[in-house]
Amino acid sequence: MFDNLRRLVGLLPDVLAIGWGLVTRAEHARTPERMAILSTSGACAVPPMLAESWQHLLRATIEARQIVPPGSLADRVGGRLVSGTPWVRWKDQLPPPEPLPETPPPMPDVEGMIGGADKPPEPDVVEGVPSIETSEPGTVRSSSLSELLLSALATIGSQFTLGAGLPLLAEWLSKYADAAMWLRTPRFTDLERRLAYWLAPVLDPRLADVSRADSKLAGALRSSAKQRAADLASLLAELDMTSTTALRTAWAVFTKLFLRPVVPLRPQLEAFAREESRGQEPFVKLFAMLGKVPSELQEPMSGRTLTLVEVAFLYYRGSPADEPAARPSTEGAAALLAEAGFVVASRGAAPAAADISVHHSLLQRRALAYLERAERSGAVGFRPMWQLQVFPLADRGERRKLLPMLISEEEATAAEWRAKPDAPPPAATR
């Protein structure tokens, strides 16, 4: 029947669905010639008329993703179909075409972004940077997020496929305590939320209260997430989307939560602290202290409160979610926080750029008080007027120069320079 229909009316989407239904049920029908026809690139650019045909084509995209072109009408109706009808009908206005890139976009400075996968040392250890607190519940339950991100980037950098990517994404979602908070924000589309909740049901607000009250249920939901994510046919059928749509949606969720989050993740904070402390013990401990000081910026529903280190990152580096710019924008960071539902606790209003600047002043005062105590105790030594170099204004804050040079640091730098007579003098001695 399939061969006759194809000869009579051509490879229409409903005819294509009949062919895929045939080869799914009868292995002997999978001849090379027939499979070549069924796998024709772009054969299903528009959806079929019948809902049953649509289900066959959804399953087919697991094996032959190319039959539904990215950005086509059939691609865009995914996840928006009306149920309870024999026809393929969709609701709401469809999004504009958004082609899926053949390869993920390049990610510059990955090492600096994630800060390495090694476990950070304890706060009293001088070598390296101690773990920077992000205040509960903004933490990862198990396995450092650095390791998870490295694993993610290794997978995505080679080939982000549904079979490999979805189980990993389900694991990251279940381990990231802030995921539920961010998924509620307007930054995520309904389709992205549905996919995330399908992969990690414990994040779904409809199950959140029940899972919090029943730890066994919460554990069962998390343990089953990876196995559930491996069932691609169920995902496509239950969410009514093609594998192309699922792939693009999964990549969007991953990007918004882990590659370009509104608030920097712990590995990004650790890289920031490591760069600005320059490995100097007093500054290492200073960042560890600031990482435990809460700000007034909080998300009321989840209770998530930003620390002063997170505010410092937003002030000097900008939000990772912002487009790369020559100079970080406090306006952009404040707008993203406001969109995410953050407020200034003292007045219950959405944050503005001025609130980021006010917190910068608080950051300065806390850092100055800490370093002045260290200087009086003889633990550190600075040159005169060093206070002016503690977390300067953003337009004067250069990388690795947010804190003043220690006398011991200057001497070490000068000694290193003297050992290389042909080298130009270090900046501190010019």
Protein backbone atom coordinates (compact mmCIF):
# COMPACT_ATOMS: atom_id res chain seq x y z
CA MET A 1 0.00 0.00 0.00
CA PHE A 2 2.79 2.40 0.86
CA ASP A 3 4.54 1.89 -2.48
CA ASN A 4 1.29 2.35 -4.40
CA LEU A 5 0.31 5.52 -2.51
CA ARG A 6 3.75 6.99 -3.02
CA ARG A 7 3.53 6.41 -6.75
CA LEU A 8 0.01 7.89 -6.90
CA VAL A 9 0.27 11.01 -4.70
CA GLY A 10 3.95 11.29 -3.86
CA LEU A 11 5.72 11.25 -0.50
CA LEU A 12 3.15 13.27 1.46
CA PRO A 13 3.62 13.37 5.26
CA ASP A 14 0.72 10.96 5.86
CA VAL A 15 2.12 8.58 3.24
CA LEU A 16 5.53 8.89 4.85
CA ALA A 17 3.95 7.97 8.20
CA ILE A 18 2.42 4.83 6.67
CA GLY A 19 5.84 3.81 5.41
CA TRP A 20 7.45 4.28 8.81
CA GLY A 21 4.63 2.39 10.47
CA LEU A 22 5.27 -0.46 8.04
CA VAL A 23 9.04 -0.73 8.65
CA THR A 24 8.52 -0.39 12.40
CA ARG A 25 6.18 -3.39 12.52
CA ALA A 26 7.78 -5.57 9.84
CA GLU A 27 11.56 -5.93 9.86
CA HIS A 28 11.56 -7.61 6.45
CA ALA A 29 10.09 -4.42 4.95
CA ARG A 30 13.30 -2.52 5.79
CA THR A 31 14.88 -2.82 2.37
CA PRO A 32 17.73 -0.42 1.55
CA GLU A 33 15.69 1.20 -1.23
CA ARG A 34 12.63 1.78 0.97
CA MET A 35 14.68 3.09 3.90
CA ALA A 36 16.46 5.52 1.58
CA ILE A 37 13.06 6.87 0.48
CA LEU A 38 11.71 7.09 4.04
CA SER A 39 14.84 8.90 5.24
CA THR A 40 14.68 11.58 2.55
CA SER A 41 15.93 14.83 4.04
CA GLY A 42 13.14 17.38 4.48
CA ALA A 43 10.38 14.91 3.52
CA CYS A 44 8.18 16.12 6.41
CA ALA A 45 8.49 19.91 6.26
CA VAL A 46 4.78 20.27 7.04
CA PRO A 47 2.85 18.17 9.57
CA PRO A 48 0.53 15.38 8.42
CA MET A 49 -3.25 15.69 8.56
CA LEU A 50 -3.84 12.74 10.94
CA ALA A 51 -2.77 12.64 14.59
CA GLU A 52 -1.91 8.94 14.25
CA SER A 53 0.44 9.78 11.38
CA TRP A 54 2.11 12.38 13.59
CA GLN A 55 2.88 9.78 16.26
CA HIS A 56 4.54 7.51 13.68
CA LEU A 57 6.65 10.40 12.42
CA LEU A 58 7.70 11.41 15.94
CA ARG A 59 9.12 7.93 16.49
CA ALA A 60 10.73 8.04 13.06
CA THR A 61 12.73 11.16 13.93
CA ILE A 62 14.67 9.17 16.50
CA GLU A 63 16.15 7.18 13.65
CA ALA A 64 16.00 9.79 10.88
CA ARG A 65 16.03 13.27 12.37
CA GLN A 66 16.63 14.85 8.97
CA ILE A 67 13.10 14.18 7.71
CA VAL A 68 11.85 17.20 9.70
CA PRO A 69 13.92 20.26 8.72
CA PRO A 70 14.85 22.65 11.56
CA GLY A 71 12.61 25.71 11.56
CA SER A 72 9.97 24.10 9.34
CA LEU A 73 6.26 24.16 10.17
CA ALA A 74 6.39 20.52 11.28
CA ASP A 75 9.28 21.38 13.58
CA ARG A 76 7.54 24.39 15.14
CA VAL A 77 4.20 22.73 15.93
CA GLY A 78 5.98 20.24 18.18
CA GLY A 79 4.76 20.47 21.77
CA ARG A 80 1.79 22.67 20.81
CA LEU A 81 -0.74 20.15 19.49
CA VAL A 82 -4.36 19.95 20.63
CA SER A 83 -5.17 16.53 22.10
CA GLY A 84 -8.41 14.58 21.80
CA THR A 85 -8.85 15.04 18.05
CA PRO A 86 -8.01 12.74 15.10
CA TRP A 87 -6.50 15.71 13.26
CA VAL A 88 -3.20 17.47 13.73
CA ARG A 89 -4.20 20.82 15.20
CA TRP A 90 -2.07 23.22 17.20
CA LYS A 91 -2.78 26.03 19.62
CA ASP A 92 -1.30 29.46 20.18
CA GLN A 93 0.86 31.41 17.78
CA LEU A 94 3.83 29.48 16.50
CA PRO A 95 7.32 30.82 17.20
CA PRO A 96 9.36 32.14 14.26
CA PRO A 97 11.70 29.70 12.52
CA GLU A 98 14.84 29.04 14.56
CA PRO A 99 17.16 26.65 12.72
CA LEU A 100 19.19 24.25 14.81
CA PRO A 101 22.93 24.76 14.27
CA GLU A 102 24.80 21.80 12.92
CA THR A 103 27.29 22.11 15.77
CA PRO A 104 26.96 23.94 19.07
CA PRO A 105 28.39 27.47 19.08
CA PRO A 106 31.99 27.84 20.26
CA MET A 107 32.43 28.48 23.97
CA PRO A 108 35.47 30.70 24.60
CA ASP A 109 37.51 30.50 27.79
CA VAL A 110 35.89 27.29 29.02
CA GLU A 111 38.70 26.68 31.50
CA GLY A 112 38.20 30.10 33.05
CA MET A 113 34.44 29.78 33.05
CA ILE A 114 34.22 26.52 34.97
CA GLY A 115 37.37 26.92 37.02
CA GLY A 116 38.63 23.36 36.58
CA ALA A 117 37.25 20.12 37.93
CA ASP A 118 39.45 19.71 40.98
CA LYS A 119 37.79 19.76 44.37
CA PRO A 120 38.45 23.16 45.97
CA PRO A 121 40.61 23.12 49.12
CA GLU A 122 39.34 23.94 52.59
CA PRO A 123 39.07 27.64 53.53
CA ASP A 124 42.22 27.63 55.70
CA VAL A 125 44.40 26.20 52.94
CA VAL A 126 46.46 28.88 51.22
CA GLU A 127 47.03 27.11 47.91
CA GLY A 128 44.14 27.90 45.59
CA VAL A 129 40.75 29.30 46.46
CA PRO A 130 38.35 27.94 49.05
CA SER A 131 34.86 26.93 48.07
CA ILE A 132 32.77 30.05 47.58
CA GLU A 133 29.39 29.80 49.27
CA THR A 134 26.34 30.64 47.16
CA SER A 135 23.91 30.37 50.10
CA GLU A 136 21.42 27.55 50.40
CA PRO A 137 19.70 26.36 48.34
CA GLY A 138 21.99 27.55 45.56
CA THR A 139 24.22 24.51 45.69
CA VAL A 140 24.68 21.18 43.98
CA ARG A 141 23.58 18.16 46.00
CA SER A 142 26.40 15.80 45.03
CA SER A 143 29.40 15.79 42.69
CA SER A 144 30.91 19.21 42.13
CA LEU A 145 29.27 21.26 39.43
CA SER A 146 32.72 21.71 37.90
CA GLU A 147 32.88 17.98 37.19
CA LEU A 148 29.36 17.96 35.81
CA LEU A 149 30.10 20.88 33.51
CA LEU A 150 33.33 19.30 32.28
CA SER A 151 31.43 16.11 31.49
CA ALA A 152 28.73 18.14 29.78
CA LEU A 153 31.14 20.13 27.67
CA ALA A 154 33.01 17.00 26.67
CA THR A 155 29.75 15.45 25.45
CA ILE A 156 28.39 18.56 23.79
CA GLY A 157 31.70 19.55 22.27
CA SER A 158 31.86 16.31 20.32
CA GLN A 159 28.21 15.75 19.44
CA PHE A 160 25.14 16.69 21.45
CA THR A 161 22.66 13.93 20.67
CA LEU A 162 19.41 13.13 22.40
CA GLY A 163 20.55 9.65 23.34
CA ALA A 164 23.68 10.92 25.10
CA GLY A 165 22.56 14.38 26.15
CA LEU A 166 19.16 13.88 27.77
CA PRO A 167 20.25 11.46 30.53
CA LEU A 168 23.10 13.82 31.41
CA LEU A 169 20.79 16.84 31.37
CA ALA A 170 18.34 14.98 33.63
CA GLU A 171 21.16 14.34 36.09
CA TRP A 172 22.31 17.98 36.10
CA LEU A 173 18.76 19.22 36.59
CA SER A 174 18.18 16.92 39.55
CA LYS A 175 21.46 17.99 41.18
CA TYR A 176 21.07 21.74 40.69
CA ALA A 177 19.02 23.09 43.57
CA ASP A 178 18.31 26.43 41.88
CA ALA A 179 16.91 24.83 38.71
CA ALA A 180 13.27 24.99 39.86
CA MET A 181 13.61 28.69 40.68
CA TRP A 182 15.12 29.64 37.34
CA LEU A 183 12.70 27.52 35.31
CA ARG A 184 9.79 29.57 36.68
CA THR A 185 11.19 32.76 35.17
CA PRO A 186 10.06 34.29 31.84
CA ARG A 187 13.51 33.53 30.45
CA PHE A 188 12.32 29.97 29.77
CA THR A 189 9.59 29.08 27.29
CA ASP A 190 6.71 26.77 28.14
CA LEU A 191 8.26 24.15 25.88
CA GLU A 192 11.59 24.35 27.73
CA ARG A 193 9.83 24.02 31.11
CA ARG A 194 7.84 21.01 29.93
CA LEU A 195 10.99 19.25 28.75
CA ALA A 196 12.84 20.05 31.99
CA TYR A 197 9.94 18.84 34.15
CA TRP A 198 9.66 15.68 32.07
CA LEU A 199 13.35 14.95 32.58
CA ALA A 200 13.35 15.90 36.28
CA PRO A 201 9.79 15.55 37.67
CA VAL A 202 10.94 16.67 41.13
CA LEU A 203 11.28 20.21 39.69
CA ASP A 204 7.64 20.34 38.59
CA PRO A 205 5.76 22.75 40.92
CA ARG A 206 2.83 20.33 40.96
CA LEU A 207 5.07 17.70 42.55
CA ALA A 208 7.38 19.97 44.54
CA ASP A 209 5.26 20.13 47.72
CA VAL A 210 4.60 16.39 47.68
CA SER A 211 8.26 15.51 47.12
CA ARG A 212 9.38 17.87 49.90
CA ALA A 213 7.00 16.16 52.30
CA ASP A 214 7.95 12.65 51.18
CA SER A 215 11.71 12.15 50.93
CA LYS A 216 11.27 8.60 49.59
CA LEU A 217 9.16 9.88 46.71
CA ALA A 218 11.70 12.61 45.97
CA GLY A 219 14.50 10.04 45.95
CA ALA A 220 12.52 7.75 43.66
CA LEU A 221 11.84 10.60 41.24
CA ARG A 222 15.52 11.53 41.09
CA SER A 223 16.77 7.97 40.69
CA SER A 224 14.32 7.28 37.88
CA ALA A 225 15.09 10.51 36.00
CA LYS A 226 18.10 9.17 34.10
CA GLN A 227 16.33 5.94 33.11
CA ARG A 228 13.25 7.93 32.06
CA ALA A 229 15.41 10.29 29.98
CA ALA A 230 16.78 7.35 28.00
CA ASP A 231 13.27 6.50 26.72
CA LEU A 232 13.27 8.82 23.73
CA ALA A 233 10.11 7.40 22.18
CA SER A 234 8.08 8.18 25.31
CA LEU A 235 9.50 11.69 25.54
CA LEU A 236 8.63 12.51 21.94
CA ALA A 237 5.16 10.96 22.18
CA GLU A 238 4.22 12.53 25.53
CA LEU A 239 5.53 16.00 24.66
CA ASP A 240 4.35 15.81 21.02
CA MET A 241 7.65 17.02 19.59
CA THR A 242 10.10 15.79 17.02
CA SER A 243 13.65 14.86 17.93
CA THR A 244 14.81 18.07 16.23
CA THR A 245 12.59 20.16 18.49
CA ALA A 246 13.60 18.12 21.54
CA LEU A 247 17.27 18.57 20.74
CA ARG A 248 16.97 22.32 20.28
CA THR A 249 14.88 22.64 23.46
CA ALA A 250 17.32 20.57 25.51
CA TRP A 251 20.22 22.67 24.24
CA ALA A 252 18.34 25.86 25.20
CA VAL A 253 17.68 24.58 28.73
CA PHE A 254 21.32 23.57 29.14
CA THR A 255 22.59 26.90 27.82
CA LYS A 256 20.32 29.06 29.98
CA LEU A 257 20.97 27.11 33.18
CA PHE A 258 24.61 26.07 32.90
CA LEU A 259 26.45 27.98 30.18
CA ARG A 260 24.82 31.41 30.41
CA PRO A 261 23.07 31.58 33.80
CA VAL A 262 21.75 34.86 35.19
CA VAL A 263 23.80 34.45 38.37
CA PRO A 264 27.29 32.90 38.08
CA LEU A 265 27.58 29.28 39.14
CA ARG A 266 30.00 28.16 41.83
CA PRO A 267 32.79 27.19 39.38
CA GLN A 268 32.56 30.64 37.78
CA LEU A 269 32.72 32.28 41.21
CA GLU A 270 35.74 30.19 42.16
CA ALA A 271 37.50 31.17 38.92
CA PHE A 272 36.71 34.84 39.65
CA ALA A 273 38.03 34.58 43.22
CA ARG A 274 41.13 32.68 42.10
CA GLU A 275 41.95 35.33 39.50
CA GLU A 276 41.44 38.32 41.79
CA SER A 277 43.07 36.84 44.92
CA ARG A 278 46.21 36.05 42.88
CA GLY A 279 46.91 33.13 45.25
CA GLN A 280 47.64 35.48 48.17
CA GLU A 281 46.46 34.00 51.48
CA PRO A 282 44.82 37.17 52.90
CA PHE A 283 42.80 37.66 49.73
CA VAL A 284 41.89 33.97 49.51
CA LYS A 285 40.43 34.21 53.00
CA LEU A 286 38.78 37.54 52.16
CA PHE A 287 36.86 35.98 49.26
CA ALA A 288 35.90 33.03 51.45
CA MET A 289 34.49 35.47 54.02
CA LEU A 290 32.62 37.57 51.43
CA GLY A 291 31.15 34.39 50.00
CA LYS A 292 29.31 33.89 53.28
CA VAL A 293 27.94 37.44 53.62
CA PRO A 294 24.35 37.68 52.32
CA SER A 295 23.20 40.65 50.31
CA GLU A 296 19.73 42.18 50.23
CA LEU A 297 19.03 40.70 46.81
CA GLN A 298 16.78 37.69 47.20
CA GLU A 299 14.13 35.64 45.43
CA PRO A 300 11.19 35.51 47.87
CA MET A 301 9.53 32.30 46.70
CA SER A 302 12.63 30.12 47.03
CA GLY A 303 14.45 32.20 49.66
CA ARG A 304 17.56 32.30 47.44
CA THR A 305 19.81 35.17 48.56
CA LEU A 306 22.84 36.39 46.66
CA THR A 307 26.15 36.68 48.49
CA LEU A 308 28.53 39.62 48.21
CA VAL A 309 30.87 37.57 46.01
CA GLU A 310 28.02 36.95 43.58
CA VAL A 311 27.20 40.66 43.57
CA ALA A 312 30.89 41.46 42.99
CA PHE A 313 30.92 39.14 39.98
CA LEU A 314 27.81 40.84 38.54
CA TYR A 315 29.35 44.27 39.14
CA TYR A 316 32.76 43.60 37.61
CA ARG A 317 32.06 40.82 35.10
CA GLY A 318 28.36 41.27 34.39
CA SER A 319 25.79 38.49 34.24
CA PRO A 320 26.91 35.41 32.27
CA ALA A 321 23.49 35.60 30.60
CA ASP A 322 24.29 39.00 29.08
CA GLU A 323 25.69 39.30 25.61
CA PRO A 324 29.50 39.71 25.75
CA ALA A 325 30.35 43.39 26.07
CA ALA A 326 33.46 45.48 26.46
CA ARG A 327 32.20 46.70 29.84
CA PRO A 328 29.77 44.90 32.18
CA SER A 329 26.36 46.50 32.53
CA THR A 330 24.84 46.89 35.99
CA GLU A 331 21.60 47.86 34.24
CA GLY A 332 21.57 44.57 32.37
CA ALA A 333 22.35 42.51 35.47
CA ALA A 334 19.66 44.32 37.48
CA ALA A 335 17.10 43.79 34.70
CA LEU A 336 17.85 40.06 34.54
CA LEU A 337 17.52 39.74 38.34
CA ALA A 338 14.24 41.65 38.28
CA GLU A 339 12.91 39.41 35.51
CA ALA A 340 13.85 36.38 37.61
CA GLY A 341 11.77 37.69 40.50
CA PHE A 342 14.57 38.97 42.73
CA VAL A 343 13.78 41.90 45.03
CA VAL A 344 15.65 44.18 47.40
CA ALA A 345 14.61 42.69 50.75
CA SER A 346 14.49 45.99 52.67
CA ARG A 347 11.83 47.48 50.41
CA GLY A 348 10.40 44.53 48.48
CA ALA A 349 11.00 46.22 45.12
CA ALA A 350 12.71 44.94 42.00
CA PRO A 351 16.45 45.74 41.91
CA ALA A 352 17.81 48.52 39.75
CA ALA A 353 21.34 49.38 38.63
CA ALA A 354 21.68 51.67 41.66
CA ASP A 355 21.08 48.71 43.98
CA ILE A 356 24.03 46.85 42.43
CA SER A 357 26.16 49.96 43.03
CA VAL A 358 24.95 50.23 46.64
CA HIS A 359 26.00 46.63 47.21
CA HIS A 360 29.37 47.44 45.68
CA SER A 361 29.82 50.06 48.40
CA LEU A 362 28.90 47.47 51.02
CA LEU A 363 31.42 45.10 49.44
CA GLN A 364 34.11 47.78 49.73
CA ARG A 365 33.34 48.47 53.39
CA ARG A 366 33.38 44.81 54.40
CA ALA A 367 36.63 44.18 52.51
CA LEU A 368 38.31 47.28 53.97
CA ALA A 369 37.31 46.34 57.51
CA TYR A 370 38.68 42.82 57.04
CA LEU A 371 41.99 43.94 55.51
CA GLU A 372 42.53 46.74 58.06
CA ARG A 373 42.19 44.21 60.88
CA ALA A 374 44.68 41.97 59.09
CA GLU A 375 47.11 44.89 58.69
CA ARG A 376 46.84 45.92 62.36
CA SER A 377 47.59 42.35 63.42
CA GLY A 378 50.72 42.35 61.27
CA ALA A 379 49.43 39.54 59.03
CA VAL A 380 49.72 41.71 55.90
CA GLY A 381 51.57 44.80 54.78
CA PHE A 382 50.52 47.40 52.20
CA ARG A 383 51.93 50.55 50.70
CA PRO A 384 50.34 53.88 51.76
CA MET A 385 46.92 54.75 50.30
CA TRP A 386 46.21 51.09 49.59
CA GLN A 387 42.59 51.56 50.64
CA LEU A 388 41.83 53.32 47.34
CA GLN A 389 42.65 50.11 45.47
CA VAL A 390 40.16 47.86 47.28
CA PHE A 391 37.37 46.94 44.88
CA PRO A 392 37.51 50.21 42.87
CA LEU A 393 34.67 51.49 40.72
CA ALA A 394 33.85 49.32 37.72
CA ASP A 395 35.36 51.74 35.20
CA ARG A 396 38.68 51.52 37.07
CA GLY A 397 38.58 47.85 37.96
CA GLU A 398 40.98 45.87 35.79
CA ARG A 399 41.28 42.11 35.90
CA ARG A 400 43.61 40.85 38.63
CA LYS A 401 43.73 44.39 40.08
CA LEU A 402 40.61 44.56 42.21
CA LEU A 403 42.75 44.32 45.35
CA PRO A 404 46.00 46.16 46.22
CA MET A 405 49.43 44.62 45.93
CA LEU A 406 50.92 43.27 49.14
CA ILE A 407 54.42 44.46 50.01
CA SER A 408 55.54 40.83 50.02
CA GLU A 409 53.92 40.37 46.62
CA GLU A 410 55.72 43.43 45.21
CA GLU A 411 59.04 42.19 46.58
CA ALA A 412 58.53 38.76 45.05
CA THR A 413 57.64 40.35 41.72
CA ALA A 414 60.71 42.60 41.86
CA ALA A 415 62.97 39.66 42.74
CA GLU A 416 61.59 37.72 39.80
CA TRP A 417 62.24 40.70 37.55
CA ARG A 418 65.82 41.09 38.77
CA ALA A 419 66.44 37.47 37.86
CA LYS A 420 65.56 38.40 34.25
CA PRO A 421 67.67 41.49 33.42
CA ASP A 422 66.37 41.75 29.87
CA ALA A 423 62.72 41.92 30.97
CA PRO A 424 60.93 45.30 31.39
CA PRO A 425 60.39 46.40 35.00
CA PRO A 426 57.16 45.19 36.64
CA ALA A 427 54.23 47.62 36.64
CA ALA A 428 54.34 48.05 40.44
CA THR A 429 57.92 49.44 40.32
CA ARG A 430 57.62 51.69 37.27
